[in-house]
PDB file of N, CA and C in Angstrom:
ATOM      1  N   MET A   1     -10.543  -7.629  26.522  1.00  0.00           N
ATOM      2  CA  MET A   1      -9.337  -7.006  25.937  1.00  0.00           C
ATOM      3  C   MET A   1      -8.320  -6.826  26.967  1.00  0.00           C
ATOM      4  N   ASN A   2      -7.058  -7.171  26.831  1.00  0.00           N
ATOM      5  CA  ASN A   2      -6.070  -6.865  27.831  1.00  0.00           C
ATOM      6  C   ASN A   2      -5.474  -5.526  27.569  1.00  0.00           C
ATOM      7  N   GLY A   3      -4.693  -5.113  28.451  1.00  0.00           N
ATOM      8  CA  GLY A   3      -4.038  -3.816  28.471  1.00  0.00           C
ATOM      9  C   GLY A   3      -3.532  -3.376  27.103  1.00  0.00           C
ATOM     10  N   TRP A   4      -2.656  -4.307  26.639  1.00  0.00           N
ATOM     11  CA  TRP A   4      -1.948  -3.995  25.442  1.00  0.00           C
ATOM     12  C   TRP A   4      -2.818  -3.818  24.235  1.00  0.00           C
ATOM     13  N   GLN A   5      -3.960  -4.641  24.129  1.00  0.00           N
ATOM     14  CA  GLN A   5      -4.863  -4.486  23.063  1.00  0.00           C
ATOM     15  C   GLN A   5      -5.526  -3.098  23.217  1.00  0.00           C
ATOM     16  N   ARG A   6      -5.839  -2.685  24.334  1.00  0.00           N
ATOM     17  CA  ARG A   6      -6.444  -1.337  24.645  1.00  0.00           C
ATOM     18  C   ARG A   6      -5.456  -0.306  24.059  1.00  0.00           C
ATOM     19  N   ILE A   7      -4.300  -0.467  24.511  1.00  0.00           N
ATOM     20  CA  ILE A   7      -3.327   0.585  24.016  1.00  0.00           C
ATOM     21  C   ILE A   7      -3.208   0.567  22.421  1.00  0.00           C
ATOM     22  N   GLY A   8      -3.424  -0.629  21.861  1.00  0.00           N
ATOM     23  CA  GLY A   8      -3.381  -0.671  20.412  1.00  0.00           C
ATOM     24  C   GLY A   8      -4.600  -0.079  19.759  1.00  0.00           C
ATOM     25  N   VAL A   9      -5.644  -0.130  20.409  1.00  0.00           N
ATOM     26  CA  VAL A   9      -6.976   0.538  20.051  1.00  0.00           C
ATOM     27  C   VAL A   9      -6.842   2.042  19.981  1.00  0.00           C
ATOM     28  N   VAL A  10      -6.295   2.560  21.116  1.00  0.00           N
ATOM     29  CA  VAL A  10      -6.184   3.984  21.206  1.00  0.00           C
ATOM     30  C   VAL A  10      -5.129   4.493  20.314  1.00  0.00           C
ATOM     31  N   LEU A  11      -4.011   3.815  20.100  1.00  0.00           N
ATOM     32  CA  LEU A  11      -3.110   4.133  19.076  1.00  0.00           C
ATOM     33  C   LEU A  11      -3.720   4.191  17.654  1.00  0.00           C
ATOM     34  N   SER A  12      -4.536   3.239  17.350  1.00  0.00           N
ATOM     35  CA  SER A  12      -5.222   3.008  16.035  1.00  0.00           C
ATOM     36  C   SER A  12      -6.015   4.309  15.774  1.00  0.00           C
ATOM     37  N   ILE A  13      -6.810   4.585  16.850  1.00  0.00           N
ATOM     38  CA  ILE A  13      -7.656   5.838  16.678  1.00  0.00           C
ATOM     39  C   ILE A  13      -6.843   7.059  16.637  1.00  0.00           C
ATOM     40  N   LEU A  14      -5.778   7.161  17.330  1.00  0.00           N
ATOM     41  CA  LEU A  14      -4.883   8.463  17.209  1.00  0.00           C
ATOM     42  C   LEU A  14      -4.313   8.493  15.849  1.00  0.00           C
ATOM     43  N   TRP A  15      -3.869   7.336  15.207  1.00  0.00           N
ATOM     44  CA  TRP A  15      -3.259   7.287  13.906  1.00  0.00           C
ATOM     45  C   TRP A  15      -4.403   7.643  12.885  1.00  0.00           C
ATOM     46  N   ALA A  16      -5.482   7.076  13.067  1.00  0.00           N
ATOM     47  CA  ALA A  16      -6.664   7.349  12.109  1.00  0.00           C
ATOM     48  C   ALA A  16      -6.955   8.832  11.927  1.00  0.00           C
ATOM     49  N   ILE A  17      -7.010   9.470  13.041  1.00  0.00           N
ATOM     50  CA  ILE A  17      -7.183  10.945  13.148  1.00  0.00           C
ATOM     51  C   ILE A  17      -6.049  11.786  12.480  1.00  0.00           C
ATOM     52  N   SER A  18      -4.864  11.556  12.979  1.00  0.00           N
ATOM     53  CA  SER A  18      -3.691  12.286  12.569  1.00  0.00           C
ATOM     54  C   SER A  18      -3.378  11.884  11.184  1.00  0.00           C
ATOM     55  N   GLY A  19      -3.538  10.687  10.749  1.00  0.00           N
ATOM     56  CA  GLY A  19      -3.288  10.150   9.470  1.00  0.00           C
ATOM     57  C   GLY A  19      -4.137  10.881   8.468  1.00  0.00           C
ATOM     58  N   ALA A  20      -5.495  10.996   8.881  1.00  0.00           N
ATOM     59  CA  ALA A  20      -6.339  11.756   7.871  1.00  0.00           C
ATOM     60  C   ALA A  20      -5.981  13.107   7.722  1.00  0.00           C
ATOM     61  N   PHE A  21      -5.594  13.896   8.684  1.00  0.00           N
ATOM     62  CA  PHE A  21      -5.166  15.156   8.466  1.00  0.00           C
ATOM     63  C   PHE A  21      -3.950  15.266   7.598  1.00  0.00           C
ATOM     64  N   TRP A  22      -3.035  14.423   8.023  1.00  0.00           N
ATOM     65  CA  TRP A  22      -1.655  14.435   7.346  1.00  0.00           C
ATOM     66  C   TRP A  22      -1.992  14.064   5.754  1.00  0.00           C
ATOM     67  N   GLY A  23      -2.725  12.966   5.575  1.00  0.00           N
ATOM     68  CA  GLY A  23      -3.046  12.615   4.142  1.00  0.00           C
ATOM     69  C   GLY A  23      -3.646  13.658   3.340  1.00  0.00           C
ATOM     70  N   TYR A  24      -4.733  14.315   4.040  1.00  0.00           N
ATOM     71  CA  TYR A  24      -5.501  15.254   3.320  1.00  0.00           C
ATOM     72  C   TYR A  24      -4.454  16.424   2.835  1.00  0.00           C
ATOM     73  N   ASN A  25      -3.640  16.925   3.818  1.00  0.00           N
ATOM     74  CA  ASN A  25      -2.789  17.879   3.519  1.00  0.00           C
ATOM     75  C   ASN A  25      -1.760  17.594   2.339  1.00  0.00           C
ATOM     76  N   ILE A  26      -1.309  16.388   2.421  1.00  0.00           N
ATOM     77  CA  ILE A  26      -0.300  15.843   1.251  1.00  0.00           C
ATOM     78  C   ILE A  26      -1.154  15.883  -0.040  1.00  0.00           C
ATOM     79  N   GLY A  27      -2.370  15.341  -0.088  1.00  0.00           N
ATOM     80  CA  GLY A  27      -3.076  15.187  -1.285  1.00  0.00           C
ATOM     81  C   GLY A  27      -3.567  16.594  -1.806  1.00  0.00           C
ATOM     82  N   TYR A  28      -4.056  17.429  -0.932  1.00  0.00           N
ATOM     83  CA  TYR A  28      -4.524  18.791  -1.242  1.00  0.00           C
ATOM     84  C   TYR A  28      -3.390  19.540  -2.124  1.00  0.00           C
ATOM     85  N   HIS A  29      -2.159  19.473  -1.493  1.00  0.00           N
ATOM     86  CA  HIS A  29      -1.117  20.262  -2.002  1.00  0.00           C
ATOM     87  C   HIS A  29      -0.232  19.526  -2.979  1.00  0.00           C
ATOM     88  N   GLU A  30      -0.755  18.314  -3.460  1.00  0.00           N
ATOM     89  CA  GLU A  30       0.043  17.652  -4.563  1.00  0.00           C
ATOM     90  C   GLU A  30       0.152  18.302  -5.844  1.00  0.00           C
ATOM     91  N   GLY A  31      -0.887  19.044  -6.277  1.00  0.00           N
ATOM     92  CA  GLY A  31      -0.685  19.651  -7.507  1.00  0.00           C
ATOM     93  C   GLY A  31      -0.124  21.128  -7.396  1.00  0.00           C
ATOM     94  N   GLY A  32       0.456  21.437  -6.290  1.00  0.00           N
ATOM     95  CA  GLY A  32       1.139  22.697  -6.155  1.00  0.00           C
ATOM     96  C   GLY A  32       0.235  23.678  -5.276  1.00  0.00           C
ATOM     97  N   ASP A  33       0.649  24.822  -5.079  1.00  0.00           N
ATOM     98  CA  ASP A  33      -0.079  25.745  -4.208  1.00  0.00           C
ATOM     99  C   ASP A  33      -1.062  26.550  -5.050  1.00  0.00           C
ATOM    100  N   ILE A  34      -2.220  26.081  -5.076  1.00  0.00           N
ATOM    101  CA  ILE A  34      -3.276  26.729  -6.034  1.00  0.00           C
ATOM    102  C   ILE A  34      -3.634  28.049  -5.505  1.00  0.00           C
ATOM    103  N   LYS A  35      -3.770  28.206  -4.123  1.00  0.00           N
ATOM    104  CA  LYS A  35      -4.103  29.450  -3.743  1.00  0.00           C
ATOM    105  C   LYS A  35      -3.134  30.595  -4.033  1.00  0.00           C
ATOM    106  N   GLN A  36      -1.821  30.297  -4.099  1.00  0.00           N
ATOM    107  CA  GLN A  36      -0.843  31.237  -4.437  1.00  0.00           C
ATOM    108  C   GLN A  36      -1.036  31.522  -6.049  1.00  0.00           C
ATOM    109  N   GLU A  37      -1.225  30.538  -6.796  1.00  0.00           N
ATOM    110  CA  GLU A  37      -1.449  30.662  -8.112  1.00  0.00           C
ATOM    111  C   GLU A  37      -2.613  31.589  -8.569  1.00  0.00           C
ATOM    112  N   HIS A  38      -3.694  31.397  -7.658  1.00  0.00           N
ATOM    113  CA  HIS A  38      -4.877  32.266  -7.895  1.00  0.00           C
ATOM    114  C   HIS A  38      -4.545  33.739  -7.561  1.00  0.00           C
ATOM    115  N   GLU A  39      -3.856  33.914  -6.325  1.00  0.00           N
ATOM    116  CA  GLU A  39      -3.520  35.223  -6.063  1.00  0.00           C
ATOM    117  C   GLU A  39      -2.647  35.830  -7.027  1.00  0.00           C
ATOM    118  N   GLN A  40      -1.723  35.026  -7.669  1.00  0.00           N
ATOM    119  CA  GLN A  40      -0.871  35.681  -8.834  1.00  0.00           C
ATOM    120  C   GLN A  40      -1.641  36.016  -9.925  1.00  0.00           C
ATOM    121  N   CYS A  41      -2.567  35.226 -10.363  1.00  0.00           N
ATOM    122  CA  CYS A  41      -3.349  35.430 -11.532  1.00  0.00           C
ATOM    123  C   CYS A  41      -4.197  36.694 -11.348  1.00  0.00           C
ATOM    124  N   ARG A  42      -4.724  36.903 -10.114  1.00  0.00           N
ATOM    125  CA  ARG A  42      -5.508  38.126  -9.827  1.00  0.00           C
ATOM    126  C   ARG A  42      -4.525  39.374  -9.778  1.00  0.00           C
ATOM    127  N   ALA A  43      -3.429  39.192  -9.338  1.00  0.00           N
ATOM    128  CA  ALA A  43      -2.464  40.388  -9.306  1.00  0.00           C
ATOM    129  C   ALA A  43      -2.014  40.642 -10.670  1.00  0.00           C
ATOM    130  N   ASN A  44      -1.886  39.672 -11.519  1.00  0.00           N
ATOM    131  CA  ASN A  44      -1.498  39.953 -12.911  1.00  0.00           C
ATOM    132  C   ASN A  44      -2.549  40.789 -13.629  1.00  0.00           C
ATOM    133  N   VAL A  45      -3.942  40.401 -13.467  1.00  0.00           N
ATOM    134  CA  VAL A  45      -5.008  41.009 -14.100  1.00  0.00           C
ATOM    135  C   VAL A  45      -4.965  42.402 -13.529  1.00  0.00           C
ATOM    136  N   ASN A  46      -4.759  42.687 -12.272  1.00  0.00           N
ATOM    137  CA  ASN A  46      -4.854  44.000 -11.659  1.00  0.00           C
ATOM    138  C   ASN A  46      -3.716  44.923 -12.248  1.00  0.00           C
ATOM    139  N   ALA A  47      -2.463  44.284 -12.367  1.00  0.00           N
ATOM    140  CA  ALA A  47      -1.292  44.941 -12.874  1.00  0.00           C
ATOM    141  C   ALA A  47      -1.571  45.302 -14.370  1.00  0.00           C
ATOM    142  N   ARG A  48      -2.115  44.443 -15.161  1.00  0.00           N
ATOM    143  CA  ARG A  48      -2.523  44.844 -16.574  1.00  0.00           C
ATOM    144  C   ARG A  48      -3.514  45.951 -16.594  1.00  0.00           C
ATOM    145  N   LEU A  49      -4.428  45.983 -15.692  1.00  0.00           N
ATOM    146  CA  LEU A  49      -5.411  47.091 -15.590  1.00  0.00           C
ATOM    147  C   LEU A  49      -4.869  48.362 -15.332  1.00  0.00           C
ATOM    148  N   ALA A  50      -3.859  48.372 -14.319  1.00  0.00           N
ATOM    149  CA  ALA A  50      -3.153  49.557 -13.900  1.00  0.00           C
ATOM    150  C   ALA A  50      -2.186  50.077 -14.960  1.00  0.00           C
ATOM    151  N   ALA A  51      -1.614  49.115 -15.809  1.00  0.00           N
ATOM    152  CA  ALA A  51      -0.753  49.522 -16.973  1.00  0.00           C
ATOM    153  C   ALA A  51      -1.406  50.035 -18.189  1.00  0.00           C
ATOM    154  N   THR A  52      -2.632  49.569 -18.358  1.00  0.00           N
ATOM    155  CA  THR A  52      -3.504  49.852 -19.547  1.00  0.00           C
ATOM    156  C   THR A  52      -4.692  50.493 -19.068  1.00  0.00           C
ATOM    157  N   PRO A  53      -4.866  51.818 -19.018  1.00  0.00           N
ATOM    158  CA  PRO A  53      -6.077  52.422 -18.513  1.00  0.00           C
ATOM    159  C   PRO A  53      -7.288  52.268 -19.462  1.00  0.00           C
ATOM    160  N   ARG A  54      -7.196  51.853 -20.718  1.00  0.00           N
ATOM    161  CA  ARG A  54      -8.074  51.664 -21.629  1.00  0.00           C
ATOM    162  C   ARG A  54      -8.832  50.386 -21.324  1.00  0.00           C
ATOM    163  N   VAL A  55      -8.422  49.520 -20.402  1.00  0.00           N
ATOM    164  CA  VAL A  55      -9.142  48.191 -20.288  1.00  0.00           C
ATOM    165  C   VAL A  55     -10.539  48.551 -19.547  1.00  0.00           C
ATOM    166  N   SER A  56     -11.526  47.971 -20.018  1.00  0.00           N
ATOM    167  CA  SER A  56     -12.719  48.300 -19.466  1.00  0.00           C
ATOM    168  C   SER A  56     -12.901  47.431 -18.221  1.00  0.00           C
ATOM    169  N   MET A  57     -13.968  47.788 -17.422  1.00  0.00           N
ATOM    170  CA  MET A  57     -14.213  47.019 -16.100  1.00  0.00           C
ATOM    171  C   MET A  57     -14.835  45.702 -16.683  1.00  0.00           C
ATOM    172  N   ASN A  58     -15.567  45.597 -17.629  1.00  0.00           N
ATOM    173  CA  ASN A  58     -16.042  44.371 -18.146  1.00  0.00           C
ATOM    174  C   ASN A  58     -15.023  43.269 -18.412  1.00  0.00           C
ATOM    175  N   ASP A  59     -13.937  43.861 -19.083  1.00  0.00           N
ATOM    176  CA  ASP A  59     -12.700  42.981 -19.511  1.00  0.00           C
ATOM    177  C   ASP A  59     -12.018  42.628 -18.174  1.00  0.00           C
ATOM    178  N   TRP A  60     -11.912  43.431 -17.274  1.00  0.00           N
ATOM    179  CA  TRP A  60     -11.215  43.216 -15.992  1.00  0.00           C
ATOM    180  C   TRP A  60     -12.197  42.155 -15.285  1.00  0.00           C
ATOM    181  N   ALA A  61     -13.387  42.263 -15.143  1.00  0.00           N
ATOM    182  CA  ALA A  61     -14.347  41.342 -14.453  1.00  0.00           C
ATOM    183  C   ALA A  61     -14.187  39.951 -15.159  1.00  0.00           C
ATOM    184  N   GLU A  62     -14.161  39.989 -16.450  1.00  0.00           N
ATOM    185  CA  GLU A  62     -14.062  38.672 -17.225  1.00  0.00           C
ATOM    186  C   GLU A  62     -12.784  37.984 -16.856  1.00  0.00           C
ATOM    187  N   ASP A  63     -11.505  38.677 -16.892  1.00  0.00           N
ATOM    188  CA  ASP A  63     -10.225  38.166 -16.653  1.00  0.00           C
ATOM    189  C   ASP A  63     -10.353  37.659 -15.073  1.00  0.00           C
ATOM    190  N   ILE A  64     -10.870  38.488 -14.292  1.00  0.00           N
ATOM    191  CA  ILE A  64     -10.875  38.032 -12.786  1.00  0.00           C
ATOM    192  C   ILE A  64     -11.754  36.791 -12.645  1.00  0.00           C
ATOM    193  N   GLY A  65     -12.857  36.788 -13.516  1.00  0.00           N
ATOM    194  CA  GLY A  65     -13.707  35.537 -13.497  1.00  0.00           C
ATOM    195  C   GLY A  65     -13.039  34.347 -13.998  1.00  0.00           C
ATOM    196  N   ARG A  66     -12.166  34.382 -14.962  1.00  0.00           N
ATOM    197  CA  ARG A  66     -11.258  33.270 -15.452  1.00  0.00           C
ATOM    198  C   ARG A  66     -10.499  32.849 -14.324  1.00  0.00           C
ATOM    199  N   CYS A  67      -9.798  33.660 -13.647  1.00  0.00           N
ATOM    200  CA  CYS A  67      -8.840  33.318 -12.486  1.00  0.00           C
ATOM    201  C   CYS A  67      -9.751  32.531 -11.479  1.00  0.00           C
ATOM    202  N   ASP A  68     -10.835  33.060 -11.222  1.00  0.00           N
ATOM    203  CA  ASP A  68     -11.674  32.399 -10.105  1.00  0.00           C
ATOM    204  C   ASP A  68     -12.272  31.041 -10.631  1.00  0.00           C
ATOM    205  N   SER A  69     -12.622  30.972 -11.971  1.00  0.00           N
ATOM    206  CA  SER A  69     -13.050  29.688 -12.354  1.00  0.00           C
ATOM    207  C   SER A  69     -12.011  28.651 -12.472  1.00  0.00           C
ATOM    208  N   VAL A  70     -10.796  29.071 -12.791  1.00  0.00           N
ATOM    209  CA  VAL A  70      -9.683  28.038 -12.646  1.00  0.00           C
ATOM    210  C   VAL A  70      -9.373  27.627 -11.289  1.00  0.00           C
ATOM    211  N   PHE A  71      -9.392  28.610 -10.369  1.00  0.00           N
ATOM    212  CA  PHE A  71      -9.236  28.314  -9.068  1.00  0.00           C
ATOM    213  C   PHE A  71     -10.254  27.261  -8.469  1.00  0.00           C
ATOM    214  N   ARG A  72     -11.592  27.508  -8.810  1.00  0.00           N
ATOM    215  CA  ARG A  72     -12.604  26.578  -8.249  1.00  0.00           C
ATOM    216  C   ARG A  72     -12.383  25.169  -8.832  1.00  0.00           C
ATOM    217  N   LYS A  73     -12.037  25.047 -10.136  1.00  0.00           N
ATOM    218  CA  LYS A  73     -11.750  23.711 -10.743  1.00  0.00           C
ATOM    219  C   LYS A  73     -10.597  23.093 -10.009  1.00  0.00           C
ATOM    220  N   GLN A  74      -9.539  23.860  -9.856  1.00  0.00           N
ATOM    221  CA  GLN A  74      -8.323  23.205  -9.317  1.00  0.00           C
ATOM    222  C   GLN A  74      -8.555  22.829  -7.688  1.00  0.00           C
ATOM    223  N   ASN A  75      -9.443  23.740  -7.046  1.00  0.00           N
ATOM    224  CA  ASN A  75      -9.582  23.551  -5.673  1.00  0.00           C
ATOM    225  C   ASN A  75     -10.547  22.276  -5.591  1.00  0.00           C
ATOM    226  N   GLY A  76     -11.523  22.100  -6.400  1.00  0.00           N
ATOM    227  CA  GLY A  76     -12.292  20.838  -6.373  1.00  0.00           C
ATOM    228  C   GLY A  76     -11.614  19.653  -6.606  1.00  0.00           C
ATOM    229  N   ASP A  77     -10.592  19.598  -7.583  1.00  0.00           N
ATOM    230  CA  ASP A  77      -9.785  18.507  -7.868  1.00  0.00           C
ATOM    231  C   ASP A  77      -8.873  18.283  -6.672  1.00  0.00           C
ATOM    232  N   SER A  78      -8.280  19.289  -5.972  1.00  0.00           N
ATOM    233  CA  SER A  78      -7.451  19.142  -4.862  1.00  0.00           C
ATOM    234  C   SER A  78      -8.192  18.553  -3.735  1.00  0.00           C
ATOM    235  N   ILE A  79      -9.340  19.003  -3.464  1.00  0.00           N
ATOM    236  CA  ILE A  79     -10.247  18.523  -2.277  1.00  0.00           C
ATOM    237  C   ILE A  79     -10.463  16.957  -2.580  1.00  0.00           C
ATOM    238  N   GLN A  80     -10.759  16.577  -3.799  1.00  0.00           N
ATOM    239  CA  GLN A  80     -11.033  15.055  -4.143  1.00  0.00           C
ATOM    240  C   GLN A  80      -9.710  14.351  -3.772  1.00  0.00           C
ATOM    241  N   THR A  81      -8.633  14.732  -4.302  1.00  0.00           N
ATOM    242  CA  THR A  81      -7.331  14.145  -4.085  1.00  0.00           C
ATOM    243  C   THR A  81      -6.933  14.143  -2.599  1.00  0.00           C
ATOM    244  N   GLY A  82      -7.256  15.240  -1.932  1.00  0.00           N
ATOM    245  CA  GLY A  82      -6.900  15.265  -0.550  1.00  0.00           C
ATOM    246  C   GLY A  82      -7.788  14.225   0.277  1.00  0.00           C
ATOM    247  N   SER A  83      -8.983  14.047  -0.064  1.00  0.00           N
ATOM    248  CA  SER A  83      -9.920  13.182   0.589  1.00  0.00           C
ATOM    249  C   SER A  83      -9.590  11.781   0.325  1.00  0.00           C
ATOM    250  N   LEU A  84      -9.073  11.483  -0.872  1.00  0.00           N
ATOM    251  CA  LEU A  84      -8.603  10.084  -1.154  1.00  0.00           C
ATOM    252  C   LEU A  84      -7.351   9.772  -0.317  1.00  0.00           C
ATOM    253  N   TYR A  85      -6.482  10.714  -0.309  1.00  0.00           N
ATOM    254  CA  TYR A  85      -5.137  10.499   0.543  1.00  0.00           C
ATOM    255  C   TYR A  85      -5.476  10.351   2.009  1.00  0.00           C
ATOM    256  N   ALA A  86      -6.440  11.165   2.366  1.00  0.00           N
ATOM    257  CA  ALA A  86      -6.782  11.080   3.940  1.00  0.00           C
ATOM    258  C   ALA A  86      -7.368   9.664   4.155  1.00  0.00           C
ATOM    259  N   ALA A  87      -8.192   9.177   3.368  1.00  0.00           N
ATOM    260  CA  ALA A  87      -8.820   7.896   3.665  1.00  0.00           C
ATOM    261  C   ALA A  87      -7.701   6.830   3.647  1.00  0.00           C
ATOM    262  N   LEU A  88      -6.886   6.814   2.620  1.00  0.00           N
ATOM    263  CA  LEU A  88      -5.890   5.798   2.481  1.00  0.00           C
ATOM    264  C   LEU A  88      -4.839   5.921   3.609  1.00  0.00           C
ATOM    265  N   LEU A  89      -4.401   7.057   3.920  1.00  0.00           N
ATOM    266  CA  LEU A  89      -3.355   7.249   4.965  1.00  0.00           C
ATOM    267  C   LEU A  89      -3.874   7.008   6.391  1.00  0.00           C
ATOM    268  N   ALA A  90      -5.161   7.235   6.574  1.00  0.00           N
ATOM    269  CA  ALA A  90      -5.867   7.092   7.835  1.00  0.00           C
ATOM    270  C   ALA A  90      -6.102   5.567   8.114  1.00  0.00           C
ATOM    271  N   LEU A  91      -6.715   4.951   7.027  1.00  0.00           N
ATOM    272  CA  LEU A  91      -7.118   3.554   7.416  1.00  0.00           C
ATOM    273  C   LEU A  91      -6.153   2.387   6.936  1.00  0.00           C
ATOM    274  N   LEU A  92      -5.349   2.572   5.878  1.00  0.00           N
ATOM    275  CA  LEU A  92      -4.586   1.472   5.338  1.00  0.00           C
ATOM    276  C   LEU A  92      -3.563   0.922   6.322  1.00  0.00           C
ATOM    277  N   PRO A  93      -2.874   1.847   6.922  1.00  0.00           N
ATOM    278  CA  PRO A  93      -1.693   1.335   7.769  1.00  0.00           C
ATOM    279  C   PRO A  93      -2.131   0.495   9.096  1.00  0.00           C
ATOM    280  N   ILE A  94      -3.354   0.662   9.476  1.00  0.00           N
ATOM    281  CA  ILE A  94      -3.871   0.260  10.836  1.00  0.00           C
ATOM    282  C   ILE A  94      -3.756  -1.310  10.680  1.00  0.00           C
ATOM    283  N   PRO A  95      -4.584  -1.973   9.624  1.00  0.00           N
ATOM    284  CA  PRO A  95      -4.342  -3.487   9.772  1.00  0.00           C
ATOM    285  C   PRO A  95      -2.926  -4.114   9.559  1.00  0.00           C
ATOM    286  N   PHE A  96      -2.084  -3.300   8.778  1.00  0.00           N
ATOM    287  CA  PHE A  96      -0.844  -3.775   8.653  1.00  0.00           C
ATOM    288  C   PHE A  96      -0.135  -3.677  10.013  1.00  0.00           C
ATOM    289  N   ALA A  97      -0.274  -2.763  10.784  1.00  0.00           N
ATOM    290  CA  ALA A  97       0.361  -2.492  11.987  1.00  0.00           C
ATOM    291  C   ALA A  97      -0.025  -3.574  12.933  1.00  0.00           C
ATOM    292  N   TRP A  98      -1.378  -3.850  12.964  1.00  0.00           N
ATOM    293  CA  TRP A  98      -1.873  -4.856  13.933  1.00  0.00           C
ATOM    294  C   TRP A  98      -1.368  -6.188  13.524  1.00  0.00           C
ATOM    295  N   ILE A  99      -1.157  -6.556  12.306  1.00  0.00           N
ATOM    296  CA  ILE A  99      -0.725  -7.831  11.913  1.00  0.00           C
ATOM    297  C   ILE A  99       0.877  -7.897  12.201  1.00  0.00           C
ATOM    298  N   ALA A 100       1.626  -6.809  11.895  1.00  0.00           N
ATOM    299  CA  ALA A 100       2.945  -6.865  12.279  1.00  0.00           C
ATOM    300  C   ALA A 100       3.180  -7.006  13.682  1.00  0.00           C
ATOM    301  N   VAL A 101       2.446  -6.332  14.548  1.00  0.00           N
ATOM    302  CA  VAL A 101       2.552  -6.598  16.038  1.00  0.00           C
ATOM    303  C   VAL A 101       2.290  -7.933  16.483  1.00  0.00           C
ATOM    304  N   TYR A 102       1.204  -8.572  15.927  1.00  0.00           N
ATOM    305  CA  TYR A 102       0.826  -9.953  16.285  1.00  0.00           C
ATOM    306  C   TYR A 102       1.876 -10.877  15.868  1.00  0.00           C
ATOM    307  N   LYS A 103       2.421 -10.717  14.631  1.00  0.00           N
ATOM    308  CA  LYS A 103       3.535 -11.616  14.081  1.00  0.00           C
ATOM    309  C   LYS A 103       4.808 -11.487  14.899  1.00  0.00           C
ATOM    310  N   SER A 104       5.132 -10.181  15.367  1.00  0.00           N
ATOM    311  CA  SER A 104       6.318 -10.033  16.033  1.00  0.00           C
ATOM    312  C   SER A 104       6.209 -10.605  17.496  1.00  0.00           C
ATOM    313  N   ILE A 105       5.057 -10.573  18.036  1.00  0.00           N
ATOM    314  CA  ILE A 105       4.711 -11.199  19.375  1.00  0.00           C
ATOM    315  C   ILE A 105       4.858 -12.714  19.173  1.00  0.00           C
ATOM    316  N   ALA A 106       4.242 -13.315  18.238  1.00  0.00           N
ATOM    317  CA  ALA A 106       4.367 -14.744  17.967  1.00  0.00           C
ATOM    318  C   ALA A 106       5.800 -15.156  17.649  1.00  0.00           C
ATOM    319  N   LEU A 107       6.632 -14.285  16.950  1.00  0.00           N
ATOM    320  CA  LEU A 107       8.007 -14.637  16.679  1.00  0.00           C
ATOM    321  C   LEU A 107       8.874 -14.632  18.042  1.00  0.00           C
ATOM    322  N   LEU A 108       8.513 -13.599  18.833  1.00  0.00           N
ATOM    323  CA  LEU A 108       9.235 -13.514  20.163  1.00  0.00           C
ATOM    324  C   LEU A 108       8.908 -14.663  21.060  1.00  0.00           C
ATOM    325  N   ARG A 109       7.584 -15.098  21.162  1.00  0.00           N
ATOM    326  CA  ARG A 109       7.199 -16.352  21.816  1.00  0.00           C
ATOM    327  C   ARG A 109       7.866 -17.459  21.432  1.00  0.00           C
ATOM    328  N   TRP A 110       8.051 -17.661  20.080  1.00  0.00           N
ATOM    329  CA  TRP A 110       8.642 -18.947  19.516  1.00  0.00           C
ATOM    330  C   TRP A 110      10.069 -18.885  19.829  1.00  0.00           C
ATOM    331  N   ILE A 111      10.788 -17.635  19.723  1.00  0.00           N
ATOM    332  CA  ILE A 111      12.169 -17.567  20.234  1.00  0.00           C
ATOM    333  C   ILE A 111      12.382 -18.046  21.712  1.00  0.00           C
ATOM    334  N   ARG A 112      11.511 -17.342  22.542  1.00  0.00           N
ATOM    335  CA  ARG A 112      11.592 -17.592  24.023  1.00  0.00           C
ATOM    336  C   ARG A 112      11.370 -19.018  24.402  1.00  0.00           C
ATOM    337  N   LYS A 113      10.470 -19.795  23.620  1.00  0.00           N
ATOM    338  CA  LYS A 113      10.102 -21.122  23.785  1.00  0.00           C
ATOM    339  C   LYS A 113      11.387 -21.989  23.515  1.00  0.00           C
ATOM    340  N   GLY A 114      12.177 -21.506  22.437  1.00  0.00           N
ATOM    341  CA  GLY A 114      13.383 -22.220  22.101  1.00  0.00           C
ATOM    342  C   GLY A 114      14.517 -22.087  23.211  1.00  0.00           C
ATOM    343  N   PHE A 115      14.378 -21.159  24.020  1.00  0.00           N
ATOM    344  CA  PHE A 115      15.394 -21.090  25.274  1.00  0.00           C
ATOM    345  C   PHE A 115      14.955 -21.871  26.398  1.00  0.00           C
ATOM    346  N   GLN A 116      13.629 -22.176  26.441  1.00  0.00           N
ATOM    347  CA  GLN A 116      12.976 -22.710  27.671  1.00  0.00           C
ATOM    348  C   GLN A 116      13.298 -24.214  27.504  1.00  0.00           C
ATOM    349  N   THR A 117      13.448 -24.878  26.405  1.00  0.00           N
ATOM    350  CA  THR A 117      13.597 -26.220  26.311  1.00  0.00           C
ATOM    351  C   THR A 117      15.111 -26.713  26.464  1.00  0.00           C
TER     352      THR A 117
END
């Protein structure tokens, strides 16, 4: 491999790593901020308990359990979406970039050859 190809390999690896993190973050948060929604759900349950002293601890625990259950489901979905986005954004652009660079080099050589004749 020549020096330019080695630079391309290093850039490809850096893109794969950073693209994976970036893609995961985009995919995970695509459905909204589920952690904030979870905290809001728990705060609503606690506020309802404070406003209604006759609510039993079993009812409170059941409501908190519902909040936690919804969060676990949404979190699992967000992790799956984030993982898919991470894989796509990390790996898909690399072959297109290599093809674009090689085609650009070929085009520049063709143009330069036209000036040499």
